[in-house]
Each structure stands twice: as structure tokens, then as C-alpha cells.
Amino acid sequence: ADRERGVLVGATLVTPRAGEILGELVVAVKVGTPVRTLADVVHPYPAFNRILGAAFGQLASKVA
């Protein structure tokens, strides 16, 4: 993440379910969505991308 702007600038996925998550990350990087906004996105169960909520929550505490 870019600490000054508070946005995601890239991501790496290592999972057989990367296809479920990749689209959300591509859009977030492309449009410059603030990490704090990404942390607030509701991810429905049982979708695998719900793990992003916890990851973005931790990341949001480390950026501007």
C-alpha cells in the first residue's frame, strides 16, 4: 500500500481460489480505492474473498 495516499498499489495471492479474489483487488488498485474503504466492504459468507476484510483491516491501521 502507498502510506501517503492510503491506497492499495498491488497484491500477491497464493491460493487455489485466487480467481475469486483477483477481480476485487484489480478494481481496488485500478481506481485507487482507499484501504480504509476496502476494510469496510462486506464480504458475504461463504465467499472465499471474505478474508480480504481482515487483511484490509490490518493494512488500514498501517497507512495514512
Protein backbone atom coordinates (compact mmCIF):
# COMPACT_ATOMS: atom_id res chain seq x y z
CA ALA A 1 0.00 0.00 0.00
CA ASP A 2 1.03 3.59 -0.52
CA ARG A 3 1.18 5.01 3.02
CA GLU A 4 0.91 8.64 1.93
CA ARG A 5 -2.16 8.14 -0.25
CA GLY A 6 -3.62 5.26 1.78
CA VAL A 7 -4.39 3.17 -1.29
CA LEU A 8 -3.57 -0.33 -2.44
CA VAL A 9 -0.92 -0.36 -5.18
CA GLY A 10 -0.54 -4.12 -5.68
CA ALA A 11 -1.23 -7.55 -4.24
CA THR A 12 0.04 -11.11 -4.33
CA LEU A 13 -2.22 -14.14 -3.98
CA VAL A 14 -1.11 -17.70 -3.29
CA THR A 15 -4.25 -19.81 -3.19
CA PRO A 16 -6.17 -22.17 -5.44
CA ARG A 17 -9.08 -19.73 -5.12
CA ALA A 18 -7.24 -16.65 -6.36
CA GLY A 19 -9.80 -16.24 -9.13
CA GLU A 20 -12.49 -15.45 -6.56
CA ILE A 21 -10.43 -12.64 -5.09
CA LEU A 22 -8.48 -11.22 -8.00
CA GLY A 23 -11.27 -9.14 -9.53
CA GLU A 24 -11.87 -7.16 -6.36
CA LEU A 25 -8.16 -6.43 -5.97
CA VAL A 26 -7.73 -5.36 -9.60
CA VAL A 27 -10.58 -2.86 -9.32
CA ALA A 28 -9.26 -1.53 -5.99
CA VAL A 29 -5.80 -0.91 -7.45
CA LYS A 30 -7.09 0.48 -10.77
CA VAL A 31 -9.40 3.10 -9.25
CA GLY A 32 -7.29 3.89 -6.18
CA THR A 33 -9.82 2.85 -3.55
CA PRO A 34 -8.68 3.90 -0.06
CA VAL A 35 -7.61 0.96 2.10
CA ARG A 36 -9.97 2.14 4.87
CA THR A 37 -12.87 1.87 2.42
CA LEU A 38 -11.75 -1.61 1.38
CA ALA A 39 -11.68 -2.64 5.05
CA ASP A 40 -15.36 -1.67 5.37
CA VAL A 41 -16.59 -3.77 2.42
CA VAL A 42 -18.98 -6.53 3.47
CA HIS A 43 -17.96 -9.92 2.08
CA PRO A 44 -20.76 -12.49 2.22
CA TYR A 45 -20.24 -15.95 3.65
CA PRO A 46 -19.23 -18.46 2.23
CA ALA A 47 -17.28 -16.49 -0.40
CA PHE A 48 -13.55 -17.01 -0.03
CA ASN A 49 -12.83 -13.31 -0.58
CA ARG A 50 -14.20 -12.55 2.90
CA ILE A 51 -10.60 -13.00 4.07
CA LEU A 52 -9.90 -9.62 2.45
CA GLY A 53 -11.86 -7.84 5.18
CA ALA A 54 -9.41 -8.92 7.86
CA ALA A 55 -6.40 -8.24 5.65
CA PHE A 56 -7.58 -4.75 4.71
CA GLY A 57 -8.44 -4.03 8.35
CA GLN A 58 -4.86 -4.76 9.38
CA LEU A 59 -3.47 -2.81 6.46
CA ALA A 60 -5.69 0.21 7.16
CA SER A 61 -4.15 0.56 10.61
CA LYS A 62 -0.72 0.93 8.98
CA VAL A 63 -1.47 3.54 6.29
CA ALA A 64 -2.41 7.22 6.39
